[in-house]
């Protein structure tokens, strides 16, 4: 008998959780505020980033949340790629010429770009053989 009561209790709790989830989704749709998120946006220039941020300022803080630091970090990374002569991995200790076989073999998400050997060395990387 106790085993049956435990099963009924868990079924009841599970049914309530599903009901709460459904009610939460309905309330979002009822208010007409579907959640949305913009990620992975790539900009060609500083002006495009500034225009994008200006457009976002037309929304209230409750409507949108943005981390401007992330946008400018991405922008700096794109700028550094243009001037880069050397590349290294965030997981490694060596830097390579950007057009070398080893440099091209690094995963894009773990690349760090440098415009000079001095910059690579000053960031703790060692010249590869």
Protein backbone atom coordinates (compact mmCIF):
# COMPACT_ATOMS: atom_id res chain seq x y z
CA UNK A 1 0.00 0.00 0.00
CA UNK A 2 2.79 2.46 0.86
CA UNK A 3 4.45 1.81 -2.51
CA UNK A 4 1.24 2.75 -4.32
CA UNK A 5 0.93 5.94 -2.27
CA UNK A 6 4.49 6.97 -3.19
CA UNK A 7 3.80 6.44 -6.89
CA UNK A 8 0.57 8.46 -6.70
CA UNK A 9 2.39 11.23 -4.84
CA UNK A 10 5.11 11.47 -7.55
CA UNK A 11 2.52 11.42 -10.33
CA UNK A 12 0.63 14.22 -8.58
CA UNK A 13 3.79 16.34 -8.16
CA UNK A 14 4.78 15.77 -11.79
CA UNK A 15 1.28 16.78 -12.98
CA UNK A 16 1.45 20.01 -10.95
CA UNK A 17 4.87 20.87 -12.39
CA UNK A 18 3.59 20.39 -15.93
CA UNK A 19 0.54 22.52 -15.16
CA UNK A 20 2.72 25.33 -13.77
CA UNK A 21 4.96 25.23 -16.84
CA UNK A 22 1.98 25.42 -19.20
CA UNK A 23 0.46 28.31 -17.24
CA UNK A 24 3.76 30.18 -17.40
CA UNK A 25 3.96 29.78 -21.19
CA UNK A 26 0.34 30.86 -21.58
CA UNK A 27 0.96 33.99 -19.51
CA UNK A 28 3.86 34.99 -21.77
CA UNK A 29 1.72 34.53 -24.87
CA UNK A 30 -1.23 36.27 -23.22
CA UNK A 31 0.85 39.38 -22.59
CA UNK A 32 2.16 39.26 -26.15
CA UNK A 33 5.76 39.27 -24.98
CA UNK A 34 7.47 36.28 -26.51
CA UNK A 35 11.03 35.97 -25.23
CA UNK A 36 13.73 36.59 -27.79
CA UNK A 37 17.49 36.82 -27.89
CA UNK A 38 19.98 38.12 -30.44
CA UNK A 39 23.30 36.31 -30.46
CA UNK A 40 26.15 35.88 -32.87
CA UNK A 41 25.68 39.22 -34.63
CA UNK A 42 28.71 40.18 -36.73
CA UNK A 43 29.44 43.76 -37.70
CA UNK A 44 31.60 44.96 -40.57
CA UNK A 45 32.60 48.28 -39.03
CA UNK A 46 32.58 50.40 -35.91
CA UNK A 47 29.85 52.53 -37.44
CA UNK A 48 27.55 49.50 -37.76
CA UNK A 49 28.06 48.71 -34.07
CA UNK A 50 27.31 52.29 -33.08
CA UNK A 51 24.16 52.33 -35.26
CA UNK A 52 23.03 49.04 -33.74
CA UNK A 53 23.49 50.38 -30.20
CA UNK A 54 21.63 53.60 -31.10
CA UNK A 55 18.72 51.53 -32.42
CA UNK A 56 18.67 49.54 -29.20
CA UNK A 57 18.44 52.73 -27.14
CA UNK A 58 14.91 53.21 -28.51
CA UNK A 59 13.83 50.28 -26.35
CA UNK A 60 13.35 50.45 -22.61
CA UNK A 61 15.64 48.50 -20.29
CA UNK A 62 12.74 46.16 -19.55
CA UNK A 63 12.40 45.39 -23.27
CA UNK A 64 16.02 44.52 -23.91
CA UNK A 65 19.22 43.73 -22.10
CA UNK A 66 22.56 44.11 -23.84
CA UNK A 67 26.09 43.70 -22.72
CA UNK A 68 27.95 46.45 -24.59
CA UNK A 69 31.25 45.12 -23.29
CA UNK A 70 30.71 41.87 -25.22
CA UNK A 71 29.92 43.80 -28.40
CA UNK A 72 33.06 45.91 -28.15
CA UNK A 73 35.18 42.89 -27.26
CA UNK A 74 33.95 41.15 -30.42
CA UNK A 75 34.60 44.32 -32.40
CA UNK A 76 38.16 44.57 -31.04
CA UNK A 77 38.73 40.90 -31.93
CA UNK A 78 37.60 41.52 -35.53
CA UNK A 79 39.85 44.60 -35.75
CA UNK A 80 42.82 42.65 -34.39
CA UNK A 81 42.31 39.91 -37.01
CA UNK A 82 42.78 42.47 -39.80
CA UNK A 83 46.16 43.65 -38.49
CA UNK A 84 47.32 40.26 -37.24
CA UNK A 85 50.63 38.79 -38.31
CA UNK A 86 50.72 36.11 -35.61
CA UNK A 87 48.23 33.79 -33.97
CA UNK A 88 48.22 31.60 -30.86
CA UNK A 89 45.80 29.34 -29.05
CA UNK A 90 44.30 30.29 -25.70
CA UNK A 91 45.10 26.71 -24.65
CA UNK A 92 48.70 26.66 -25.80
CA UNK A 93 51.95 28.47 -25.14
CA UNK A 94 53.30 28.97 -28.69
CA UNK A 95 52.53 31.60 -31.32
CA UNK A 96 52.75 31.09 -35.08
CA UNK A 97 52.81 33.22 -38.22
CA UNK A 98 49.19 33.73 -39.25
CA UNK A 99 49.62 32.11 -42.65
CA UNK A 100 51.55 29.06 -41.38
CA UNK A 101 50.24 25.50 -41.38
CA UNK A 102 50.20 25.36 -37.58
CA UNK A 103 48.54 28.76 -37.33
CA UNK A 104 45.81 27.72 -39.75
CA UNK A 105 45.31 24.51 -37.78
CA UNK A 106 44.17 26.31 -34.63
CA UNK A 107 40.47 26.22 -33.78
CA UNK A 108 38.79 29.53 -34.52
CA UNK A 109 37.13 29.78 -31.09
CA UNK A 110 40.47 29.47 -29.27
CA UNK A 111 42.56 31.83 -31.43
CA UNK A 112 44.31 34.93 -30.12
CA UNK A 113 45.70 37.39 -32.68
CA UNK A 114 48.81 39.58 -32.43
CA UNK A 115 50.10 42.35 -34.69
CA UNK A 116 53.74 41.81 -33.68
CA UNK A 117 56.06 39.27 -32.13
CA UNK A 118 56.59 41.66 -29.23
CA UNK A 119 52.85 41.63 -28.50
CA UNK A 120 52.75 37.82 -28.55
CA UNK A 121 55.80 37.53 -26.28
CA UNK A 122 54.50 40.18 -23.89
CA UNK A 123 51.31 38.10 -23.54
CA UNK A 124 53.37 35.09 -22.43
CA UNK A 125 53.62 33.15 -25.70
CA UNK A 126 56.78 31.53 -27.03
CA UNK A 127 57.86 31.54 -30.70
CA UNK A 128 57.24 28.14 -32.27
CA UNK A 129 60.01 26.20 -34.00
